[in-house]
Amino acid sequence: MYETNVNSKKEKLIAVGIGILFMFIALILQGAVQLIPGIYYILKYGVTDSVNILAKFELSDIIIYSFFIGGTGAIFQEGLKFISVDTRPKELAILIGLGFSIVDIIILYGEAVPTIIKEVHALIIVEVAPNTISSLLFHPGTAMLLK
């Protein structure tokens, strides 16, 4: 470990940047692993049949598929969050978690805004606001717990 001034603006910005960087890495790895079932079905059944078969699997075995999607997210995001906070002082863990939240919220709004622009649905707004709040609570909170 090295000595650092955790109260300096530079160290705080670096901590948020570390969180942003590690969240991007986690999402890239997570996305690659989540493609494995699709690639498997394409290799096994061909492109035309695999779309229908995979869609049927996703709907018929929704619990298993949900655990797979959620599990890969948990493994990569929380694993990389642990690695990112493990090397930094504990006072900076919340800021590293904030970096994870920033990426999460940018992606959330990136997916929601085009839909809101086309037509405003109260349901979309009701989904976006709580997800923003939960992300701001979840990522910094788990970063502090992991430290």
N, C-alpha and C. Protein backbone atom coordinates (compact mmCIF):
# COMPACT_ATOMS: atom_id res chain seq x y z
N MET A 1 0.83 -1.19 0.00
CA MET A 1 0.00 0.00 0.00
C MET A 1 0.87 1.25 0.00
N TYR A 2 0.32 2.30 -0.47
CA TYR A 2 1.03 3.55 -0.51
C TYR A 2 0.23 4.60 0.22
N GLU A 3 0.93 5.63 0.66
CA GLU A 3 0.25 6.73 1.35
C GLU A 3 -0.40 7.64 0.31
N THR A 4 -1.62 8.04 0.59
CA THR A 4 -2.32 8.94 -0.32
C THR A 4 -3.17 9.89 0.49
N ASN A 5 -3.37 11.06 -0.02
CA ASN A 5 -4.23 12.04 0.62
C ASN A 5 -5.64 11.84 0.08
N VAL A 6 -6.47 11.11 0.83
CA VAL A 6 -7.81 10.76 0.34
C VAL A 6 -8.72 11.98 0.28
N ASN A 7 -8.33 13.08 0.87
CA ASN A 7 -9.15 14.29 0.83
C ASN A 7 -8.86 15.16 -0.38
N SER A 8 -7.83 14.83 -1.16
CA SER A 8 -7.51 15.67 -2.31
C SER A 8 -8.51 15.44 -3.43
N LYS A 9 -8.79 16.49 -4.15
CA LYS A 9 -9.74 16.43 -5.27
C LYS A 9 -9.24 15.46 -6.34
N LYS A 10 -7.94 15.45 -6.55
CA LYS A 10 -7.34 14.57 -7.55
C LYS A 10 -7.59 13.10 -7.21
N GLU A 11 -7.35 12.72 -5.97
CA GLU A 11 -7.56 11.33 -5.55
C GLU A 11 -9.03 10.93 -5.67
N LYS A 12 -9.93 11.86 -5.36
CA LYS A 12 -11.36 11.57 -5.47
C LYS A 12 -11.77 11.37 -6.93
N LEU A 13 -11.25 12.21 -7.80
CA LEU A 13 -11.56 12.06 -9.23
C LEU A 13 -10.97 10.77 -9.79
N ILE A 14 -9.77 10.43 -9.34
CA ILE A 14 -9.15 9.18 -9.77
C ILE A 14 -10.00 7.99 -9.31
N ALA A 15 -10.52 8.05 -8.09
CA ALA A 15 -11.36 6.96 -7.57
C ALA A 15 -12.63 6.80 -8.42
N VAL A 16 -13.28 7.90 -8.75
CA VAL A 16 -14.48 7.82 -9.61
C VAL A 16 -14.09 7.27 -10.98
N GLY A 17 -12.95 7.73 -11.51
CA GLY A 17 -12.47 7.23 -12.81
C GLY A 17 -12.17 5.74 -12.78
N ILE A 18 -11.61 5.26 -11.68
CA ILE A 18 -11.36 3.82 -11.53
C ILE A 18 -12.68 3.06 -11.58
N GLY A 19 -13.69 3.58 -10.88
CA GLY A 19 -15.00 2.93 -10.91
C GLY A 19 -15.59 2.89 -12.30
N ILE A 20 -15.48 4.00 -13.02
CA ILE A 20 -15.99 4.05 -14.40
C ILE A 20 -15.27 3.04 -15.29
N LEU A 21 -13.94 3.03 -15.20
CA LEU A 21 -13.14 2.11 -16.01
C LEU A 21 -13.48 0.65 -15.72
N PHE A 22 -13.52 0.30 -14.44
CA PHE A 22 -13.79 -1.09 -14.08
C PHE A 22 -15.21 -1.51 -14.43
N MET A 23 -16.18 -0.59 -14.37
CA MET A 23 -17.54 -0.93 -14.77
C MET A 23 -17.60 -1.19 -16.27
N PHE A 24 -16.91 -0.38 -17.07
CA PHE A 24 -16.87 -0.64 -18.51
C PHE A 24 -16.26 -2.00 -18.80
N ILE A 25 -15.17 -2.33 -18.12
CA ILE A 25 -14.54 -3.63 -18.32
C ILE A 25 -15.50 -4.74 -17.91
N ALA A 26 -16.18 -4.57 -16.78
CA ALA A 26 -17.13 -5.59 -16.32
C ALA A 26 -18.25 -5.78 -17.32
N LEU A 27 -18.78 -4.70 -17.86
CA LEU A 27 -19.89 -4.81 -18.82
C LEU A 27 -19.46 -5.46 -20.12
N ILE A 28 -18.23 -5.20 -20.55
CA ILE A 28 -17.73 -5.84 -21.77
C ILE A 28 -17.60 -7.35 -21.56
N LEU A 29 -16.99 -7.73 -20.44
CA LEU A 29 -16.83 -9.16 -20.14
C LEU A 29 -18.18 -9.84 -19.92
N GLN A 30 -19.06 -9.16 -19.20
CA GLN A 30 -20.39 -9.69 -18.93
C GLN A 30 -21.15 -9.89 -20.24
N GLY A 31 -21.10 -8.91 -21.11
CA GLY A 31 -21.80 -9.02 -22.40
C GLY A 31 -21.27 -10.17 -23.23
N ALA A 32 -19.96 -10.38 -23.21
CA ALA A 32 -19.37 -11.48 -23.98
C ALA A 32 -19.84 -12.83 -23.45
N VAL A 33 -19.86 -12.99 -22.15
CA VAL A 33 -20.30 -14.26 -21.57
C VAL A 33 -21.80 -14.48 -21.80
N GLN A 34 -22.58 -13.41 -21.76
CA GLN A 34 -24.02 -13.56 -21.96
C GLN A 34 -24.37 -13.90 -23.41
N LEU A 35 -23.43 -13.77 -24.31
CA LEU A 35 -23.65 -14.18 -25.70
C LEU A 35 -23.46 -15.69 -25.91
N ILE A 36 -22.88 -16.35 -24.94
CA ILE A 36 -22.56 -17.78 -25.10
C ILE A 36 -23.79 -18.64 -25.43
N PRO A 37 -24.94 -18.48 -24.77
CA PRO A 37 -26.09 -19.31 -25.17
C PRO A 37 -26.50 -19.09 -26.62
N GLY A 38 -26.49 -17.86 -27.07
CA GLY A 38 -26.85 -17.57 -28.46
C GLY A 38 -25.87 -18.19 -29.44
N ILE A 39 -24.58 -18.09 -29.13
CA ILE A 39 -23.56 -18.69 -30.00
C ILE A 39 -23.71 -20.20 -30.01
N TYR A 40 -23.98 -20.79 -28.85
CA TYR A 40 -24.19 -22.24 -28.76
C TYR A 40 -25.34 -22.68 -29.66
N TYR A 41 -26.47 -21.98 -29.57
CA TYR A 41 -27.63 -22.36 -30.37
C TYR A 41 -27.39 -22.14 -31.86
N ILE A 42 -26.65 -21.11 -32.22
CA ILE A 42 -26.33 -20.88 -33.63
C ILE A 42 -25.44 -22.00 -34.16
N LEU A 43 -24.45 -22.39 -33.37
CA LEU A 43 -23.56 -23.47 -33.81
C LEU A 43 -24.28 -24.82 -33.86
N LYS A 44 -25.20 -25.04 -32.96
CA LYS A 44 -25.89 -26.33 -32.90
C LYS A 44 -27.02 -26.44 -33.92
N TYR A 45 -27.81 -25.36 -34.10
CA TYR A 45 -29.01 -25.45 -34.93
C TYR A 45 -28.96 -24.60 -36.19
N GLY A 46 -27.95 -23.79 -36.38
CA GLY A 46 -27.91 -22.89 -37.52
C GLY A 46 -28.60 -21.58 -37.19
N VAL A 47 -28.39 -20.59 -38.03
CA VAL A 47 -28.88 -19.25 -37.74
C VAL A 47 -30.41 -19.18 -37.77
N THR A 48 -31.04 -19.78 -38.74
CA THR A 48 -32.50 -19.61 -38.89
C THR A 48 -33.28 -20.28 -37.76
N ASP A 49 -32.90 -21.50 -37.39
CA ASP A 49 -33.62 -22.21 -36.33
C ASP A 49 -33.24 -21.73 -34.94
N SER A 50 -32.03 -21.25 -34.76
CA SER A 50 -31.56 -20.90 -33.42
C SER A 50 -32.33 -19.73 -32.81
N VAL A 51 -32.78 -18.80 -33.64
CA VAL A 51 -33.53 -17.65 -33.12
C VAL A 51 -34.81 -18.12 -32.45
N ASN A 52 -35.55 -18.99 -33.10
CA ASN A 52 -36.80 -19.50 -32.52
C ASN A 52 -36.54 -20.38 -31.31
N ILE A 53 -35.53 -21.22 -31.39
CA ILE A 53 -35.23 -22.13 -30.29
C ILE A 53 -34.77 -21.34 -29.06
N LEU A 54 -33.90 -20.36 -29.26
CA LEU A 54 -33.41 -19.56 -28.14
C LEU A 54 -34.55 -18.75 -27.52
N ALA A 55 -35.42 -18.21 -28.35
CA ALA A 55 -36.57 -17.44 -27.82
C ALA A 55 -37.48 -18.36 -27.00
N LYS A 56 -37.72 -19.56 -27.48
CA LYS A 56 -38.54 -20.52 -26.72
C LYS A 56 -37.87 -20.88 -25.39
N PHE A 57 -36.54 -21.07 -25.43
CA PHE A 57 -35.81 -21.39 -24.20
C PHE A 57 -35.91 -20.25 -23.20
N GLU A 58 -35.72 -19.01 -23.68
CA GLU A 58 -35.78 -17.84 -22.80
C GLU A 58 -37.14 -17.72 -22.13
N LEU A 59 -38.20 -18.07 -22.86
CA LEU A 59 -39.55 -17.95 -22.30
C LEU A 59 -39.94 -19.18 -21.48
N SER A 60 -39.55 -20.36 -21.92
CA SER A 60 -39.95 -21.57 -21.19
C SER A 60 -39.12 -21.77 -19.92
N ASP A 61 -37.88 -21.40 -19.96
CA ASP A 61 -37.00 -21.56 -18.80
C ASP A 61 -36.55 -20.19 -18.30
N ILE A 62 -37.52 -19.33 -18.07
CA ILE A 62 -37.23 -17.93 -17.74
C ILE A 62 -36.46 -17.79 -16.42
N ILE A 63 -36.72 -18.68 -15.48
CA ILE A 63 -36.03 -18.61 -14.19
C ILE A 63 -34.54 -18.94 -14.38
N ILE A 64 -34.26 -20.01 -15.11
CA ILE A 64 -32.87 -20.41 -15.35
C ILE A 64 -32.14 -19.31 -16.13
N TYR A 65 -32.79 -18.80 -17.17
CA TYR A 65 -32.17 -17.76 -17.99
C TYR A 65 -31.94 -16.48 -17.17
N SER A 66 -32.90 -16.15 -16.32
CA SER A 66 -32.75 -14.96 -15.47
C SER A 66 -31.59 -15.12 -14.49
N PHE A 67 -31.46 -16.30 -13.91
CA PHE A 67 -30.32 -16.55 -13.02
C PHE A 67 -29.00 -16.47 -13.77
N PHE A 68 -28.98 -16.94 -15.00
CA PHE A 68 -27.75 -16.86 -15.80
C PHE A 68 -27.39 -15.41 -16.08
N ILE A 69 -28.36 -14.61 -16.54
CA ILE A 69 -28.10 -13.20 -16.85
C ILE A 69 -27.71 -12.44 -15.57
N GLY A 70 -28.47 -12.62 -14.51
CA GLY A 70 -28.17 -11.94 -13.24
C GLY A 70 -26.87 -12.42 -12.62
N GLY A 71 -26.61 -13.71 -12.72
CA GLY A 71 -25.39 -14.28 -12.15
C GLY A 71 -24.15 -13.77 -12.84
N THR A 72 -24.18 -13.69 -14.16
CA THR A 72 -23.01 -13.17 -14.86
C THR A 72 -22.80 -11.69 -14.52
N GLY A 73 -23.89 -10.95 -14.40
CA GLY A 73 -23.78 -9.54 -13.99
C GLY A 73 -23.16 -9.42 -12.61
N ALA A 74 -23.63 -10.24 -11.71
CA ALA A 74 -23.12 -10.19 -10.33
C ALA A 74 -21.64 -10.59 -10.29
N ILE A 75 -21.29 -11.64 -10.97
CA ILE A 75 -19.90 -12.11 -10.93
C ILE A 75 -18.94 -11.06 -11.49
N PHE A 76 -19.26 -10.53 -12.65
CA PHE A 76 -18.33 -9.58 -13.27
C PHE A 76 -18.35 -8.22 -12.60
N GLN A 77 -19.54 -7.67 -12.35
CA GLN A 77 -19.59 -6.33 -11.76
C GLN A 77 -19.06 -6.33 -10.33
N GLU A 78 -19.51 -7.27 -9.52
CA GLU A 78 -19.06 -7.28 -8.12
C GLU A 78 -17.63 -7.78 -8.01
N GLY A 79 -17.23 -8.70 -8.87
CA GLY A 79 -15.84 -9.16 -8.85
C GLY A 79 -14.86 -8.04 -9.20
N LEU A 80 -15.18 -7.31 -10.24
CA LEU A 80 -14.30 -6.20 -10.62
C LEU A 80 -14.42 -5.03 -9.64
N LYS A 81 -15.58 -4.88 -9.03
CA LYS A 81 -15.70 -3.84 -8.00
C LYS A 81 -14.81 -4.19 -6.81
N PHE A 82 -14.79 -5.46 -6.43
CA PHE A 82 -13.92 -5.89 -5.34
C PHE A 82 -12.45 -5.63 -5.67
N ILE A 83 -12.04 -5.98 -6.88
CA ILE A 83 -10.65 -5.75 -7.29
C ILE A 83 -10.34 -4.26 -7.27
N SER A 84 -11.28 -3.44 -7.73
CA SER A 84 -11.01 -2.00 -7.81
C SER A 84 -10.93 -1.34 -6.42
N VAL A 85 -11.74 -1.78 -5.48
CA VAL A 85 -11.69 -1.16 -4.15
C VAL A 85 -10.61 -1.78 -3.27
N ASP A 86 -10.17 -2.97 -3.61
CA ASP A 86 -9.19 -3.67 -2.78
C ASP A 86 -7.84 -2.97 -2.75
N THR A 87 -7.49 -2.28 -3.82
CA THR A 87 -6.18 -1.65 -3.89
C THR A 87 -6.18 -0.19 -3.46
N ARG A 88 -7.33 0.36 -3.12
CA ARG A 88 -7.46 1.77 -2.77
C ARG A 88 -7.82 1.91 -1.29
N PRO A 89 -7.57 3.08 -0.70
CA PRO A 89 -7.96 3.31 0.70
C PRO A 89 -9.48 3.18 0.87
N LYS A 90 -9.89 2.72 2.05
CA LYS A 90 -11.32 2.47 2.28
C LYS A 90 -12.17 3.73 2.16
N GLU A 91 -11.58 4.90 2.40
CA GLU A 91 -12.33 6.15 2.30
C GLU A 91 -12.76 6.46 0.86
N LEU A 92 -12.09 5.84 -0.10
CA LEU A 92 -12.40 6.09 -1.50
C LEU A 92 -13.36 5.06 -2.10
N ALA A 93 -13.72 4.05 -1.33
CA ALA A 93 -14.59 2.98 -1.85
C ALA A 93 -15.92 3.51 -2.35
N ILE A 94 -16.51 4.44 -1.61
CA ILE A 94 -17.81 4.98 -2.02
C ILE A 94 -17.71 5.72 -3.35
N LEU A 95 -16.57 6.37 -3.60
CA LEU A 95 -16.40 7.09 -4.87
C LEU A 95 -16.15 6.13 -6.03
N ILE A 96 -15.48 5.03 -5.77
CA ILE A 96 -15.32 4.00 -6.80
C ILE A 96 -16.69 3.43 -7.14
N GLY A 97 -17.51 3.19 -6.12
CA GLY A 97 -18.88 2.73 -6.35
C GLY A 97 -19.70 3.75 -7.12
N LEU A 98 -19.46 5.03 -6.87
CA LEU A 98 -20.14 6.08 -7.62
C LEU A 98 -19.76 6.02 -9.10
N GLY A 99 -18.51 5.71 -9.39
CA GLY A 99 -18.09 5.52 -10.79
C GLY A 99 -18.86 4.40 -11.46
N PHE A 100 -19.08 3.30 -10.74
CA PHE A 100 -19.89 2.20 -11.26
C PHE A 100 -21.32 2.70 -11.53
N SER A 101 -21.87 3.50 -10.61
CA SER A 101 -23.23 4.03 -10.76
C SER A 101 -23.34 4.94 -11.98
N ILE A 102 -22.34 5.76 -12.19
CA ILE A 102 -22.38 6.69 -13.33
C ILE A 102 -22.54 5.93 -14.64
N VAL A 103 -21.77 4.88 -14.83
CA VAL A 103 -21.87 4.10 -16.05
C VAL A 103 -23.23 3.43 -16.13
N ASP A 104 -23.68 2.87 -15.02
CA ASP A 104 -24.98 2.21 -14.97
C ASP A 104 -26.11 3.17 -15.36
N ILE A 105 -26.07 4.38 -14.84
CA ILE A 105 -27.11 5.37 -15.12
C ILE A 105 -27.02 5.86 -16.56
N ILE A 106 -25.83 6.06 -17.08
CA ILE A 106 -25.68 6.47 -18.48
C ILE A 106 -26.28 5.43 -19.41
N ILE A 107 -26.03 4.16 -19.14
CA ILE A 107 -26.59 3.10 -19.97
C ILE A 107 -28.10 3.04 -19.81
N LEU A 108 -28.59 3.19 -18.59
CA LEU A 108 -30.03 3.19 -18.34
C LEU A 108 -30.73 4.29 -19.14
N TYR A 109 -30.21 5.50 -19.06
CA TYR A 109 -30.82 6.61 -19.80
C TYR A 109 -30.60 6.47 -21.30
N GLY A 110 -29.46 5.91 -21.70
CA GLY A 110 -29.21 5.67 -23.12
C GLY A 110 -30.22 4.73 -23.74
N GLU A 111 -30.69 3.77 -22.94
CA GLU A 111 -31.71 2.84 -23.43
C GLU A 111 -33.12 3.41 -23.32
N ALA A 112 -33.37 4.25 -22.32
CA ALA A 112 -34.72 4.75 -22.07
C ALA A 112 -35.07 6.00 -22.86
N VAL A 113 -34.12 6.90 -23.06
CA VAL A 113 -34.42 8.18 -23.70
C VAL A 113 -34.98 8.03 -25.11
N PRO A 114 -34.42 7.17 -25.98
CA PRO A 114 -35.04 7.04 -27.31
C PRO A 114 -36.51 6.62 -27.26
N THR A 115 -36.84 5.78 -26.32
CA THR A 115 -38.23 5.36 -26.18
C THR A 115 -39.09 6.50 -25.66
N ILE A 116 -38.57 7.27 -24.73
CA ILE A 116 -39.31 8.40 -24.18
C ILE A 116 -39.52 9.47 -25.25
N ILE A 117 -38.52 9.66 -26.12
CA ILE A 117 -38.64 10.66 -27.19
C ILE A 117 -39.75 10.27 -28.16
N LYS A 118 -39.84 8.98 -28.51
CA LYS A 118 -40.87 8.52 -29.43
C LYS A 118 -42.26 8.71 -28.85
N GLU A 119 -42.44 8.26 -27.64
CA GLU A 119 -43.72 8.42 -26.97
C GLU A 119 -43.49 8.33 -25.46
N VAL A 120 -44.05 9.26 -24.76
CA VAL A 120 -43.86 9.32 -23.31
C VAL A 120 -44.84 8.35 -22.65
N HIS A 121 -44.28 7.39 -21.99
CA HIS A 121 -45.07 6.45 -21.21
C HIS A 121 -44.74 6.67 -19.74
N ALA A 122 -45.75 6.73 -18.94
CA ALA A 122 -45.53 6.89 -17.50
C ALA A 122 -44.76 5.69 -16.96
N LEU A 123 -45.00 4.53 -17.54
CA LEU A 123 -44.33 3.32 -17.07
C LEU A 123 -42.82 3.43 -17.24
N ILE A 124 -42.36 3.97 -18.35
CA ILE A 124 -40.93 4.11 -18.58
C ILE A 124 -40.33 5.07 -17.56
N ILE A 125 -41.01 6.19 -17.32
CA ILE A 125 -40.51 7.16 -16.35
C ILE A 125 -40.50 6.55 -14.95
N VAL A 126 -41.52 5.78 -14.64
CA VAL A 126 -41.59 5.13 -13.33
C VAL A 126 -40.49 4.08 -13.19
N GLU A 127 -40.08 3.47 -14.28
CA GLU A 127 -38.99 2.49 -14.23
C GLU A 127 -37.62 3.16 -14.12
N VAL A 128 -37.44 4.28 -14.81
CA VAL A 128 -36.12 4.92 -14.86
C VAL A 128 -35.76 5.57 -13.52
N ALA A 129 -36.69 6.28 -12.93
CA ALA A 129 -36.39 7.01 -11.68
C ALA A 129 -35.96 6.07 -10.54
N PRO A 130 -36.71 5.02 -10.25
CA PRO A 130 -36.25 4.12 -9.17
C PRO A 130 -34.94 3.41 -9.50
N ASN A 131 -34.71 3.09 -10.77
CA ASN A 131 -33.44 2.45 -11.14
C ASN A 131 -32.27 3.40 -10.93
N THR A 132 -32.47 4.67 -11.17
CA THR A 132 -31.43 5.66 -10.93
C THR A 132 -31.10 5.72 -9.45
N ILE A 133 -32.12 5.80 -8.64
CA ILE A 133 -31.93 5.88 -7.18
C ILE A 133 -31.28 4.60 -6.66
N SER A 134 -31.78 3.46 -7.13
CA SER A 134 -31.21 2.19 -6.63
C SER A 134 -29.76 2.03 -7.05
N SER A 135 -29.40 2.49 -8.24
CA SER A 135 -28.02 2.41 -8.68
C SER A 135 -27.12 3.29 -7.82
N LEU A 136 -27.61 4.49 -7.51
CA LEU A 136 -26.83 5.41 -6.67
C LEU A 136 -26.66 4.90 -5.24
N LEU A 137 -27.58 4.06 -4.79
CA LEU A 137 -27.46 3.47 -3.46
C LEU A 137 -26.68 2.15 -3.50
N PHE A 138 -26.96 1.33 -4.51
CA PHE A 138 -26.41 -0.01 -4.56
C PHE A 138 -24.90 -0.04 -4.79
N HIS A 139 -24.44 0.58 -5.86
CA HIS A 139 -23.02 0.46 -6.21
C HIS A 139 -22.09 1.07 -5.16
N PRO A 140 -22.34 2.30 -4.68
CA PRO A 140 -21.46 2.80 -3.60
C PRO A 140 -21.58 1.97 -2.32
N GLY A 141 -22.80 1.50 -2.02
CA GLY A 141 -22.99 0.69 -0.82
C GLY A 141 -22.24 -0.63 -0.87
N THR A 142 -22.34 -1.33 -2.00
CA THR A 142 -21.62 -2.60 -2.10
C THR A 142 -20.11 -2.38 -2.16
N ALA A 143 -19.68 -1.26 -2.75
CA ALA A 143 -18.24 -0.98 -2.76
C ALA A 143 -17.72 -0.81 -1.34
N MET A 144 -18.49 -0.13 -0.48
CA MET A 144 -18.05 0.02 0.91
C MET A 144 -18.08 -1.31 1.63
N LEU A 145 -19.06 -2.16 1.35
CA LEU A 145 -19.11 -3.48 1.98
C LEU A 145 -17.97 -4.37 1.52
N LEU A 146 -17.60 -4.27 0.25
CA LEU A 146 -16.52 -5.09 -0.27
C LEU A 146 -15.16 -4.67 0.28
N LYS A 147 -15.03 -3.43 0.71
CA LYS A 147 -13.77 -2.95 1.25
C LYS A 147 -13.64 -3.45 2.67
